[in-house]
Amino acid sequence: VQLVESGGGLVQAGGSLRLSCTASGILFSITTMGWYRQAPGNQREMVASITSDDSTNYADSVKGRFGISRGNTKNKVYLQMNNLEPDDTAVYYCSADSALYGTYWGQGTQVTVSS
């Protein structure tokens, strides 16, 4: 399974960005896809996730501001980020959990929010 992210960039506080993740390869065992982030000096943390039946989960710090969704083909996942804050600055990683092979990761995309 390969995951490719896009959509990161530089935005002012209060602005919005939309991250995209496209999964390719053998996807039948994928159960949950999600977004994690890692800021310098911090551990990687879960931001949002969506299961195969479209149940979603969010970190408390992004609830009400971020929204995770799937594309119609189910191999795409999006993260709509609104009202961005400087503390949202991090490298954002797409993840895919396989029931058979563990977790796959994308290469990451940088999000920088200026104050």
PDB file of N, CA and C in Angstrom:
ATOM      1  N   VAL A   1       0.852  -1.191   0.000  1.00  0.00           N
ATOM      2  CA  VAL A   1       0.000   0.000   0.000  1.00  0.00           C
ATOM      3  C   VAL A   1       0.883   1.234   0.000  1.00  0.00           C
ATOM      4  N   GLN A   2       0.593   2.138  -0.880  1.00  0.00           N
ATOM      5  CA  GLN A   2       1.318   3.412  -0.933  1.00  0.00           C
ATOM      6  C   GLN A   2       0.335   4.544  -0.652  1.00  0.00           C
ATOM      7  N   LEU A   3       0.799   5.501   0.126  1.00  0.00           N
ATOM      8  CA  LEU A   3      -0.017   6.657   0.480  1.00  0.00           C
ATOM      9  C   LEU A   3       0.710   7.911   0.047  1.00  0.00           C
ATOM     10  N   VAL A   4       0.022   8.783  -0.675  1.00  0.00           N
ATOM     11  CA  VAL A   4       0.629  10.027  -1.140  1.00  0.00           C
ATOM     12  C   VAL A   4      -0.244  11.191  -0.681  1.00  0.00           C
ATOM     13  N   GLU A   5       0.375  12.086   0.083  1.00  0.00           N
ATOM     14  CA  GLU A   5      -0.342  13.251   0.586  1.00  0.00           C
ATOM     15  C   GLU A   5      -0.070  14.466  -0.293  1.00  0.00           C
ATOM     16  N   SER A   6      -0.993  15.396  -0.256  1.00  0.00           N
ATOM     17  CA  SER A   6      -0.800  16.680  -0.920  1.00  0.00           C
ATOM     18  C   SER A   6      -1.670  17.708  -0.217  1.00  0.00           C
ATOM     19  N   GLY A   7      -1.388  18.986  -0.482  1.00  0.00           N
ATOM     20  CA  GLY A   7      -2.233  20.049   0.016  1.00  0.00           C
ATOM     21  C   GLY A   7      -1.659  20.866   1.151  1.00  0.00           C
ATOM     22  N   GLY A   8      -0.488  20.520   1.641  1.00  0.00           N
ATOM     23  CA  GLY A   8       0.099  21.316   2.701  1.00  0.00           C
ATOM     24  C   GLY A   8       0.583  22.658   2.180  1.00  0.00           C
ATOM     25  N   GLY A   9       1.020  23.510   3.104  1.00  0.00           N
ATOM     26  CA  GLY A   9       1.531  24.807   2.696  1.00  0.00           C
ATOM     27  C   GLY A   9       1.579  25.780   3.849  1.00  0.00           C
ATOM     28  N   LEU A  10       1.736  27.042   3.502  1.00  0.00           N
ATOM     29  CA  LEU A  10       1.822  28.133   4.474  1.00  0.00           C
ATOM     30  C   LEU A  10       0.515  28.918   4.443  1.00  0.00           C
ATOM     31  N   VAL A  11      -0.044  29.148   5.623  1.00  0.00           N
ATOM     32  CA  VAL A  11      -1.306  29.879   5.713  1.00  0.00           C
ATOM     33  C   VAL A  11      -1.282  30.736   6.961  1.00  0.00           C
ATOM     34  N   GLN A  12      -1.993  31.842   6.924  1.00  0.00           N
ATOM     35  CA  GLN A  12      -2.088  32.692   8.102  1.00  0.00           C
ATOM     36  C   GLN A  12      -3.092  32.114   9.100  1.00  0.00           C
ATOM     37  N   ALA A  13      -2.921  32.458  10.356  1.00  0.00           N
ATOM     38  CA  ALA A  13      -3.858  32.026  11.392  1.00  0.00           C
ATOM     39  C   ALA A  13      -5.275  32.439  11.011  1.00  0.00           C
ATOM     40  N   GLY A  14      -6.213  31.514  11.224  1.00  0.00           N
ATOM     41  CA  GLY A  14      -7.592  31.751  10.830  1.00  0.00           C
ATOM     42  C   GLY A  14      -7.927  31.248   9.442  1.00  0.00           C
ATOM     43  N   GLY A  15      -6.917  30.883   8.678  1.00  0.00           N
ATOM     44  CA  GLY A  15      -7.132  30.399   7.324  1.00  0.00           C
ATOM     45  C   GLY A  15      -7.464  28.928   7.268  1.00  0.00           C
ATOM     46  N   SER A  16      -7.571  28.416   6.057  1.00  0.00           N
ATOM     47  CA  SER A  16      -7.966  27.028   5.832  1.00  0.00           C
ATOM     48  C   SER A  16      -7.034  26.339   4.849  1.00  0.00           C
ATOM     49  N   LEU A  17      -6.918  25.041   5.005  1.00  0.00           N
ATOM     50  CA  LEU A  17      -6.220  24.189   4.059  1.00  0.00           C
ATOM     51  C   LEU A  17      -6.975  22.875   3.945  1.00  0.00           C
ATOM     52  N   ARG A  18      -6.809  22.223   2.803  1.00  0.00           N
ATOM     53  CA  ARG A  18      -7.396  20.905   2.619  1.00  0.00           C
ATOM     54  C   ARG A  18      -6.297  19.934   2.209  1.00  0.00           C
ATOM     55  N   LEU A  19      -6.077  18.929   3.026  1.00  0.00           N
ATOM     56  CA  LEU A  19      -5.092  17.902   2.717  1.00  0.00           C
ATOM     57  C   LEU A  19      -5.784  16.729   2.022  1.00  0.00           C
ATOM     58  N   SER A  20      -5.068  16.131   1.087  1.00  0.00           N
ATOM     59  CA  SER A  20      -5.577  14.963   0.374  1.00  0.00           C
ATOM     60  C   SER A  20      -4.596  13.814   0.520  1.00  0.00           C
ATOM     61  N   CYS A  21      -5.133  12.616   0.551  1.00  0.00           N
ATOM     62  CA  CYS A  21      -4.316  11.406   0.612  1.00  0.00           C
ATOM     63  C   CYS A  21      -4.904  10.389  -0.363  1.00  0.00           C
ATOM     64  N   THR A  22      -4.043   9.887  -1.230  1.00  0.00           N
ATOM     65  CA  THR A  22      -4.475   8.873  -2.186  1.00  0.00           C
ATOM     66  C   THR A  22      -3.753   7.571  -1.883  1.00  0.00           C
ATOM     67  N   ALA A  23      -4.525   6.512  -1.683  1.00  0.00           N
ATOM     68  CA  ALA A  23      -3.979   5.191  -1.410  1.00  0.00           C
ATOM     69  C   ALA A  23      -3.983   4.355  -2.677  1.00  0.00           C
ATOM     70  N   SER A  24      -2.915   3.598  -2.886  1.00  0.00           N
ATOM     71  CA  SER A  24      -2.845   2.693  -4.027  1.00  0.00           C
ATOM     72  C   SER A  24      -2.246   1.378  -3.577  1.00  0.00           C
ATOM     73  N   GLY A  25      -2.456   0.343  -4.388  1.00  0.00           N
ATOM     74  CA  GLY A  25      -1.974  -0.981  -4.037  1.00  0.00           C
ATOM     75  C   GLY A  25      -3.134  -1.886  -3.631  1.00  0.00           C
ATOM     76  N   ILE A  26      -2.820  -2.899  -2.854  1.00  0.00           N
ATOM     77  CA  ILE A  26      -3.834  -3.869  -2.435  1.00  0.00           C
ATOM     78  C   ILE A  26      -4.503  -3.335  -1.183  1.00  0.00           C
ATOM     79  N   LEU A  27      -5.735  -2.908  -1.319  1.00  0.00           N
ATOM     80  CA  LEU A  27      -6.408  -2.152  -0.261  1.00  0.00           C
ATOM     81  C   LEU A  27      -7.483  -2.946   0.482  1.00  0.00           C
ATOM     82  N   PHE A  28      -7.691  -4.209   0.133  1.00  0.00           N
ATOM     83  CA  PHE A  28      -8.847  -4.925   0.687  1.00  0.00           C
ATOM     84  C   PHE A  28      -8.796  -5.049   2.201  1.00  0.00           C
ATOM     85  N   SER A  29      -7.574  -5.043   2.777  1.00  0.00           N
ATOM     86  CA  SER A  29      -7.460  -5.249   4.224  1.00  0.00           C
ATOM     87  C   SER A  29      -7.449  -3.959   5.026  1.00  0.00           C
ATOM     88  N   ILE A  30      -7.555  -2.813   4.346  1.00  0.00           N
ATOM     89  CA  ILE A  30      -7.518  -1.525   5.049  1.00  0.00           C
ATOM     90  C   ILE A  30      -8.828  -1.307   5.796  1.00  0.00           C
ATOM     91  N   THR A  31      -8.737  -0.999   7.094  1.00  0.00           N
ATOM     92  CA  THR A  31      -9.936  -0.788   7.910  1.00  0.00           C
ATOM     93  C   THR A  31     -10.152   0.677   8.239  1.00  0.00           C
ATOM     94  N   THR A  32      -9.102   1.335   8.663  1.00  0.00           N
ATOM     95  CA  THR A  32      -9.208   2.726   9.099  1.00  0.00           C
ATOM     96  C   THR A  32      -8.133   3.554   8.411  1.00  0.00           C
ATOM     97  N   MET A  33      -8.497   4.739   7.971  1.00  0.00           N
ATOM     98  CA  MET A  33      -7.514   5.692   7.469  1.00  0.00           C
ATOM     99  C   MET A  33      -7.562   6.936   8.327  1.00  0.00           C
ATOM    100  N   GLY A  34      -6.447   7.622   8.386  1.00  0.00           N
ATOM    101  CA  GLY A  34      -6.433   8.775   9.269  1.00  0.00           C
ATOM    102  C   GLY A  34      -5.314   9.737   8.968  1.00  0.00           C
ATOM    103  N   TRP A  35      -5.265  10.757   9.776  1.00  0.00           N
ATOM    104  CA  TRP A  35      -4.228  11.781   9.696  1.00  0.00           C
ATOM    105  C   TRP A  35      -3.580  11.932  11.071  1.00  0.00           C
ATOM    106  N   TYR A  36      -2.266  11.957  11.061  1.00  0.00           N
ATOM    107  CA  TYR A  36      -1.468  12.235  12.238  1.00  0.00           C
ATOM    108  C   TYR A  36      -0.618  13.469  11.949  1.00  0.00           C
ATOM    109  N   ARG A  37      -0.066  14.039  12.991  1.00  0.00           N
ATOM    110  CA  ARG A  37       0.851  15.159  12.802  1.00  0.00           C
ATOM    111  C   ARG A  37       1.972  15.089  13.823  1.00  0.00           C
ATOM    112  N   GLN A  38       3.095  15.684  13.429  1.00  0.00           N
ATOM    113  CA  GLN A  38       4.258  15.725  14.317  1.00  0.00           C
ATOM    114  C   GLN A  38       4.941  17.069  14.179  1.00  0.00           C
ATOM    115  N   ALA A  39       4.968  17.791  15.284  1.00  0.00           N
ATOM    116  CA  ALA A  39       5.680  19.065  15.342  1.00  0.00           C
ATOM    117  C   ALA A  39       7.089  18.821  15.863  1.00  0.00           C
ATOM    118  N   PRO A  40       8.030  19.702  15.566  1.00  0.00           N
ATOM    119  CA  PRO A  40       9.407  19.517  16.031  1.00  0.00           C
ATOM    120  C   PRO A  40       9.462  19.355  17.545  1.00  0.00           C
ATOM    121  N   GLY A  41      10.158  18.309  17.996  1.00  0.00           N
ATOM    122  CA  GLY A  41      10.310  18.057  19.414  1.00  0.00           C
ATOM    123  C   GLY A  41       9.137  17.351  20.061  1.00  0.00           C
ATOM    124  N   ASN A  42       8.101  17.094  19.287  1.00  0.00           N
ATOM    125  CA  ASN A  42       6.907  16.435  19.831  1.00  0.00           C
ATOM    126  C   ASN A  42       6.748  15.040  19.250  1.00  0.00           C
ATOM    127  N   GLN A  43       5.958  14.236  19.953  1.00  0.00           N
ATOM    128  CA  GLN A  43       5.619  12.917  19.421  1.00  0.00           C
ATOM    129  C   GLN A  43       4.538  13.057  18.350  1.00  0.00           C
ATOM    130  N   ARG A  44       4.464  12.053  17.486  1.00  0.00           N
ATOM    131  CA  ARG A  44       3.414  12.025  16.484  1.00  0.00           C
ATOM    132  C   ARG A  44       2.073  11.799  17.193  1.00  0.00           C
ATOM    133  N   GLU A  45       1.070  12.566  16.828  1.00  0.00           N
ATOM    134  CA  GLU A  45      -0.228  12.459  17.474  1.00  0.00           C
ATOM    135  C   GLU A  45      -1.338  12.293  16.435  1.00  0.00           C
ATOM    136  N   MET A  46      -2.382  11.584  16.834  1.00  0.00           N
ATOM    137  CA  MET A  46      -3.539  11.389  15.975  1.00  0.00           C
ATOM    138  C   MET A  46      -4.314  12.694  15.874  1.00  0.00           C
ATOM    139  N   VAL A  47      -4.706  13.033  14.661  1.00  0.00           N
ATOM    140  CA  VAL A  47      -5.523  14.216  14.424  1.00  0.00           C
ATOM    141  C   VAL A  47      -6.975  13.817  14.156  1.00  0.00           C
ATOM    142  N   ALA A  48      -7.158  12.896  13.215  1.00  0.00           N
ATOM    143  CA  ALA A  48      -8.503  12.469  12.843  1.00  0.00           C
ATOM    144  C   ALA A  48      -8.411  11.111  12.168  1.00  0.00           C
ATOM    145  N   SER A  49      -9.478  10.332  12.288  1.00  0.00           N
ATOM    146  CA  SER A  49      -9.520   9.024  11.632  1.00  0.00           C
ATOM    147  C   SER A  49     -10.928   8.741  11.148  1.00  0.00           C
ATOM    148  N   ILE A  50     -11.011   7.843  10.158  1.00  0.00           N
ATOM    149  CA  ILE A  50     -12.302   7.453   9.609  1.00  0.00           C
ATOM    150  C   ILE A  50     -12.245   5.965   9.296  1.00  0.00           C
ATOM    151  N   THR A  51     -13.262   5.245   9.732  1.00  0.00           N
ATOM    152  CA  THR A  51     -13.289   3.802   9.532  1.00  0.00           C
ATOM    153  C   THR A  51     -13.938   3.451   8.190  1.00  0.00           C
ATOM    154  N   SER A  52     -13.932   2.174   7.866  1.00  0.00           N
ATOM    155  CA  SER A  52     -14.510   1.718   6.605  1.00  0.00           C
ATOM    156  C   SER A  52     -16.019   1.957   6.541  1.00  0.00           C
ATOM    157  N   ASP A  53     -16.668   2.079   7.696  1.00  0.00           N
ATOM    158  CA  ASP A  53     -18.107   2.409   7.682  1.00  0.00           C
ATOM    159  C   ASP A  53     -18.339   3.888   7.993  1.00  0.00           C
ATOM    160  N   ASP A  54     -17.290   4.703   7.811  1.00  0.00           N
ATOM    161  CA  ASP A  54     -17.355   6.158   7.896  1.00  0.00           C
ATOM    162  C   ASP A  54     -17.575   6.715   9.302  1.00  0.00           C
ATOM    163  N   SER A  55     -17.236   5.953  10.310  1.00  0.00           N
ATOM    164  CA  SER A  55     -17.211   6.512  11.661  1.00  0.00           C
ATOM    165  C   SER A  55     -15.954   7.352  11.818  1.00  0.00           C
ATOM    166  N   THR A  56     -16.081   8.499  12.447  1.00  0.00           N
ATOM    167  CA  THR A  56     -14.951   9.414  12.570  1.00  0.00           C
ATOM    168  C   THR A  56     -14.570   9.638  14.027  1.00  0.00           C
ATOM    169  N   ASN A  57     -13.315  10.028  14.203  1.00  0.00           N
ATOM    170  CA  ASN A  57     -12.791  10.320  15.529  1.00  0.00           C
ATOM    171  C   ASN A  57     -11.810  11.476  15.383  1.00  0.00           C
ATOM    172  N   TYR A  58     -11.808  12.394  16.347  1.00  0.00           N
ATOM    173  CA  TYR A  58     -10.959  13.569  16.276  1.00  0.00           C
ATOM    174  C   TYR A  58     -10.221  13.796  17.586  1.00  0.00           C
ATOM    175  N   ALA A  59      -9.038  14.354  17.484  1.00  0.00           N
ATOM    176  CA  ALA A  59      -8.351  14.846  18.669  1.00  0.00           C
ATOM    177  C   ALA A  59      -9.129  16.028  19.225  1.00  0.00           C
ATOM    178  N   ASP A  60      -9.122  16.164  20.539  1.00  0.00           N
ATOM    179  CA  ASP A  60      -9.877  17.255  21.171  1.00  0.00           C
ATOM    180  C   ASP A  60      -9.437  18.614  20.641  1.00  0.00           C
ATOM    181  N   SER A  61      -8.157  18.744  20.330  1.00  0.00           N
ATOM    182  CA  SER A  61      -7.617  20.040  19.920  1.00  0.00           C
ATOM    183  C   SER A  61      -8.120  20.506  18.562  1.00  0.00           C
ATOM    184  N   VAL A  62      -8.710  19.606  17.765  1.00  0.00           N
ATOM    185  CA  VAL A  62      -9.156  19.993  16.424  1.00  0.00           C
ATOM    186  C   VAL A  62     -10.657  19.862  16.246  1.00  0.00           C
ATOM    187  N   LYS A  63     -11.347  19.354  17.241  1.00  0.00           N
ATOM    188  CA  LYS A  63     -12.807  19.194  17.115  1.00  0.00           C
ATOM    189  C   LYS A  63     -13.472  20.530  16.824  1.00  0.00           C
ATOM    190  N   GLY A  64     -14.386  20.507  15.864  1.00  0.00           N
ATOM    191  CA  GLY A  64     -15.077  21.721  15.471  1.00  0.00           C
ATOM    192  C   GLY A  64     -14.341  22.555  14.445  1.00  0.00           C
ATOM    193  N   ARG A  65     -13.062  22.238  14.200  1.00  0.00           N
ATOM    194  CA  ARG A  65     -12.281  22.993  13.205  1.00  0.00           C
ATOM    195  C   ARG A  65     -11.880  22.134  12.008  1.00  0.00           C
ATOM    196  N   PHE A  66     -11.618  20.863  12.247  1.00  0.00           N
ATOM    197  CA  PHE A  66     -11.144  19.955  11.187  1.00  0.00           C
ATOM    198  C   PHE A  66     -12.250  18.958  10.845  1.00  0.00           C
ATOM    199  N   GLY A  67     -12.268  18.511   9.589  1.00  0.00           N
ATOM    200  CA  GLY A  67     -13.214  17.486   9.168  1.00  0.00           C
ATOM    201  C   GLY A  67     -12.532  16.468   8.266  1.00  0.00           C
ATOM    202  N   ILE A  68     -12.705  15.197   8.566  1.00  0.00           N
ATOM    203  CA  ILE A  68     -12.131  14.126   7.751  1.00  0.00           C
ATOM    204  C   ILE A  68     -13.239  13.497   6.921  1.00  0.00           C
ATOM    205  N   SER A  69     -12.920  13.144   5.690  1.00  0.00           N
ATOM    206  CA  SER A  69     -13.921  12.539   4.808  1.00  0.00           C
ATOM    207  C   SER A  69     -13.225  11.645   3.795  1.00  0.00           C
ATOM    208  N   ARG A  70     -14.009  10.785   3.180  1.00  0.00           N
ATOM    209  CA  ARG A  70     -13.507   9.910   2.118  1.00  0.00           C
ATOM    210  C   ARG A  70     -14.029  10.388   0.762  1.00  0.00           C
ATOM    211  N   GLY A  71     -13.267  10.056  -0.276  1.00  0.00           N
ATOM    212  CA  GLY A  71     -13.754  10.277  -1.619  1.00  0.00           C
ATOM    213  C   GLY A  71     -14.722   9.181  -2.026  1.00  0.00           C
ATOM    214  N   ASN A  72     -15.367   9.360  -3.163  1.00  0.00           N
ATOM    215  CA  ASN A  72     -16.346   8.384  -3.634  1.00  0.00           C
ATOM    216  C   ASN A  72     -15.721   7.026  -3.925  1.00  0.00           C
ATOM    217  N   THR A  73     -14.461   7.011  -4.307  1.00  0.00           N
ATOM    218  CA  THR A  73     -13.794   5.755  -4.647  1.00  0.00           C
ATOM    219  C   THR A  73     -13.187   5.063  -3.440  1.00  0.00           C
ATOM    220  N   LYS A  74     -13.293   5.680  -2.248  1.00  0.00           N
ATOM    221  CA  LYS A  74     -12.841   5.094  -0.983  1.00  0.00           C
ATOM    222  C   LYS A  74     -11.327   4.960  -0.862  1.00  0.00           C
ATOM    223  N   ASN A  75     -10.561   5.261  -1.921  1.00  0.00           N
ATOM    224  CA  ASN A  75      -9.106   5.215  -1.768  1.00  0.00           C
ATOM    225  C   ASN A  75      -8.518   6.599  -1.537  1.00  0.00           C
ATOM    226  N   LYS A  76      -9.383   7.567  -1.359  1.00  0.00           N
ATOM    227  CA  LYS A  76      -8.948   8.926  -1.070  1.00  0.00           C
ATOM    228  C   LYS A  76      -9.524   9.381   0.264  1.00  0.00           C
ATOM    229  N   VAL A  77      -8.698  10.069   1.031  1.00  0.00           N
ATOM    230  CA  VAL A  77      -9.134  10.636   2.299  1.00  0.00           C
ATOM    231  C   VAL A  77      -8.711  12.097   2.317  1.00  0.00           C
ATOM    232  N   TYR A  78      -9.597  12.930   2.858  1.00  0.00           N
ATOM    233  CA  TYR A  78      -9.336  14.358   2.898  1.00  0.00           C
ATOM    234  C   TYR A  78      -9.374  14.843   4.343  1.00  0.00           C
ATOM    235  N   LEU A  79      -8.626  15.892   4.608  1.00  0.00           N
ATOM    236  CA  LEU A  79      -8.690  16.571   5.893  1.00  0.00           C
ATOM    237  C   LEU A  79      -8.890  18.055   5.621  1.00  0.00           C
ATOM    238  N   GLN A  80     -10.098  18.514   5.898  1.00  0.00           N
ATOM    239  CA  GLN A  80     -10.402  19.936   5.766  1.00  0.00           C
ATOM    240  C   GLN A  80     -10.066  20.612   7.086  1.00  0.00           C
ATOM    241  N   MET A  81      -9.174  21.581   7.023  1.00  0.00           N
ATOM    242  CA  MET A  81      -8.706  22.257   8.230  1.00  0.00           C
ATOM    243  C   MET A  81      -9.111  23.713   8.159  1.00  0.00           C
ATOM    244  N   ASN A  82      -9.966  24.127   9.081  1.00  0.00           N
ATOM    245  CA  ASN A  82     -10.453  25.498   9.140  1.00  0.00           C
ATOM    246  C   ASN A  82      -9.986  26.176  10.415  1.00  0.00           C
ATOM    247  N   ASN A  83     -10.024  27.507  10.395  1.00  0.00           N
ATOM    248  CA  ASN A  83      -9.634  28.291  11.562  1.00  0.00           C
ATOM    249  C   ASN A  83      -8.291  27.807  12.123  1.00  0.00           C
ATOM    250  N   LEU A  84      -7.316  27.693  11.259  1.00  0.00           N
ATOM    251  CA  LEU A  84      -6.012  27.164  11.657  1.00  0.00           C
ATOM    252  C   LEU A  84      -5.322  28.075  12.651  1.00  0.00           C
ATOM    253  N   GLU A  85      -4.576  27.447  13.546  1.00  0.00           N
ATOM    254  CA  GLU A  85      -3.846  28.140  14.600  1.00  0.00           C
ATOM    255  C   GLU A  85      -2.356  27.840  14.460  1.00  0.00           C
ATOM    256  N   PRO A  86      -1.497  28.709  14.982  1.00  0.00           N
ATOM    257  CA  PRO A  86      -0.048  28.425  14.912  1.00  0.00           C
ATOM    258  C   PRO A  86       0.316  27.073  15.522  1.00  0.00           C
ATOM    259  N   ASP A  87      -0.413  26.626  16.549  1.00  0.00           N
ATOM    260  CA  ASP A  87      -0.125  25.326  17.163  1.00  0.00           C
ATOM    261  C   ASP A  87      -0.451  24.151  16.241  1.00  0.00           C
ATOM    262  N   ASP A  88      -1.127  24.417  15.137  1.00  0.00           N
ATOM    263  CA  ASP A  88      -1.403  23.358  14.154  1.00  0.00           C
ATOM    264  C   ASP A  88      -0.208  23.112  13.237  1.00  0.00           C
ATOM    265  N   THR A  89       0.817  23.929  13.334  1.00  0.00           N
ATOM    266  CA  THR A  89       2.013  23.770  12.506  1.00  0.00           C
ATOM    267  C   THR A  89       2.683  22.437  12.801  1.00  0.00           C
ATOM    268  N   ALA A  90       2.861  21.646  11.755  1.00  0.00           N
ATOM    269  CA  ALA A  90       3.438  20.310  11.910  1.00  0.00           C
ATOM    270  C   ALA A  90       3.565  19.662  10.535  1.00  0.00           C
ATOM    271  N   VAL A  91       4.237  18.533  10.507  1.00  0.00           N
ATOM    272  CA  VAL A  91       4.186  17.658   9.336  1.00  0.00           C
ATOM    273  C   VAL A  91       2.984  16.727   9.529  1.00  0.00           C
ATOM    274  N   TYR A  92       2.130  16.694   8.541  1.00  0.00           N
ATOM    275  CA  TYR A  92       0.913  15.880   8.606  1.00  0.00           C
ATOM    276  C   TYR A  92       1.116  14.616   7.775  1.00  0.00           C
ATOM    277  N   TYR A  93       0.790  13.487   8.394  1.00  0.00           N
ATOM    278  CA  TYR A  93       0.983  12.181   7.763  1.00  0.00           C
ATOM    279  C   TYR A  93      -0.358  11.479   7.583  1.00  0.00           C
ATOM    280  N   CYS A  94      -0.550  10.903   6.423  1.00  0.00           N
ATOM    281  CA  CYS A  94      -1.698  10.040   6.182  1.00  0.00           C
ATOM    282  C   CYS A  94      -1.350   8.630   6.649  1.00  0.00           C
ATOM    283  N   SER A  95      -2.321   7.948   7.229  1.00  0.00           N
ATOM    284  CA  SER A  95      -2.102   6.584   7.699  1.00  0.00           C
ATOM    285  C   SER A  95      -3.218   5.678   7.217  1.00  0.00           C
ATOM    286  N   ALA A  96      -2.890   4.393   7.086  1.00  0.00           N
ATOM    287  CA  ALA A  96      -3.887   3.388   6.723  1.00  0.00           C
ATOM    288  C   ALA A  96      -3.601   2.136   7.541  1.00  0.00           C
ATOM    289  N   ASP A  97      -4.599   1.695   8.283  1.00  0.00           N
ATOM    290  CA  ASP A  97      -4.452   0.516   9.129  1.00  0.00           C
ATOM    291  C   ASP A  97      -4.934  -0.720   8.379  1.00  0.00           C
ATOM    292  N   SER A  98      -4.074  -1.703   8.277  1.00  0.00           N
ATOM    293  CA  SER A  98      -4.431  -2.968   7.648  1.00  0.00           C
ATOM    294  C   SER A  98      -4.692  -4.000   8.718  1.00  0.00           C
ATOM    295  N   ALA A  99      -5.786  -4.754   8.547  1.00  0.00           N
ATOM    296  CA  ALA A  99      -6.103  -5.818   9.498  1.00  0.00           C
ATOM    297  C   ALA A  99      -5.070  -6.938   9.453  1.00  0.00           C
ATOM    298  N   LEU A 100      -4.275  -6.989   8.397  1.00  0.00           N
ATOM    299  CA  LEU A 100      -3.311  -8.074   8.232  1.00  0.00           C
ATOM    300  C   LEU A 100      -1.864  -7.625   8.375  1.00  0.00           C
ATOM    301  N   TYR A 101      -1.559  -6.390   7.983  1.00  0.00           N
ATOM    302  CA  TYR A 101      -0.146  -6.011   7.830  1.00  0.00           C
ATOM    303  C   TYR A 101       0.287  -4.818   8.658  1.00  0.00           C
ATOM    304  N   GLY A 102      -0.590  -4.309   9.521  1.00  0.00           N
ATOM    305  CA  GLY A 102      -0.186  -3.191  10.353  1.00  0.00           C
ATOM    306  C   GLY A 102      -0.526  -1.854   9.725  1.00  0.00           C
ATOM    307  N   THR A 103       0.233  -0.828  10.078  1.00  0.00           N
ATOM    308  CA  THR A 103      -0.073   0.538   9.654  1.00  0.00           C
ATOM    309  C   THR A 103       0.892   1.000   8.576  1.00  0.00           C
ATOM    310  N   TYR A 104       0.320   1.586   7.529  1.00  0.00           N
ATOM    311  CA  TYR A 104       1.108   2.210   6.478  1.00  0.00           C
ATOM    312  C   TYR A 104       1.105   3.726   6.676  1.00  0.00           C
ATOM    313  N   TRP A 105       2.190   4.359   6.222  1.00  0.00           N
ATOM    314  CA  TRP A 105       2.329   5.809   6.387  1.00  0.00           C
ATOM    315  C   TRP A 105       2.695   6.454   5.071  1.00  0.00           C
ATOM    316  N   GLY A 106       2.195   7.679   4.876  1.00  0.00           N
ATOM    317  CA  GLY A 106       2.656   8.484   3.769  1.00  0.00           C
ATOM    318  C   GLY A 106       3.948   9.188   4.115  1.00  0.00           C
ATOM    319  N   GLN A 107       4.449   9.982   3.177  1.00  0.00           N
ATOM    320  CA  GLN A 107       5.742  10.639   3.379  1.00  0.00           C
ATOM    321  C   GLN A 107       5.612  11.924   4.174  1.00  0.00           C
ATOM    322  N   GLY A 108       4.400  12.433   4.328  1.00  0.00           N
ATOM    323  CA  GLY A 108       4.170  13.632   5.113  1.00  0.00           C
ATOM    324  C   GLY A 108       4.102  14.884   4.257  1.00  0.00           C
ATOM    325  N   THR A 109       3.326  15.851   4.731  1.00  0.00           N
ATOM    326  CA  THR A 109       3.231  17.145   4.065  1.00  0.00           C
ATOM    327  C   THR A 109       3.265  18.237   5.134  1.00  0.00           C
ATOM    328  N   GLN A 110       4.038  19.266   4.882  1.00  0.00           N
ATOM    329  CA  GLN A 110       4.243  20.322   5.878  1.00  0.00           C
ATOM    330  C   GLN A 110       3.079  21.304   5.865  1.00  0.00           C
ATOM    331  N   VAL A 111       2.587  21.601   7.064  1.00  0.00           N
ATOM    332  CA  VAL A 111       1.594  22.656   7.256  1.00  0.00           C
ATOM    333  C   VAL A 111       2.196  23.682   8.203  1.00  0.00           C
ATOM    334  N   THR A 112       2.253  24.914   7.765  1.00  0.00           N
ATOM    335  CA  THR A 112       2.803  25.988   8.585  1.00  0.00           C
ATOM    336  C   THR A 112       1.762  27.089   8.710  1.00  0.00           C
ATOM    337  N   VAL A 113       1.444  27.437   9.955  1.00  0.00           N
ATOM    338  CA  VAL A 113       0.448  28.473  10.217  1.00  0.00           C
ATOM    339  C   VAL A 113       1.163  29.650  10.871  1.00  0.00           C
ATOM    340  N   SER A 114       1.128  30.788  10.229  1.00  0.00           N
ATOM    341  CA  SER A 114       1.795  31.973  10.760  1.00  0.00           C
ATOM    342  C   SER A 114       0.815  32.805  11.589  1.00  0.00           C
ATOM    343  N   SER A 115       1.354  33.452  12.603  1.00  0.00           N
ATOM    344  CA  SER A 115       0.498  34.256  13.499  1.00  0.00           C
ATOM    345  C   SER A 115       0.362  35.669  13.004  1.00  0.00           C
TER     346      SER A 115
END
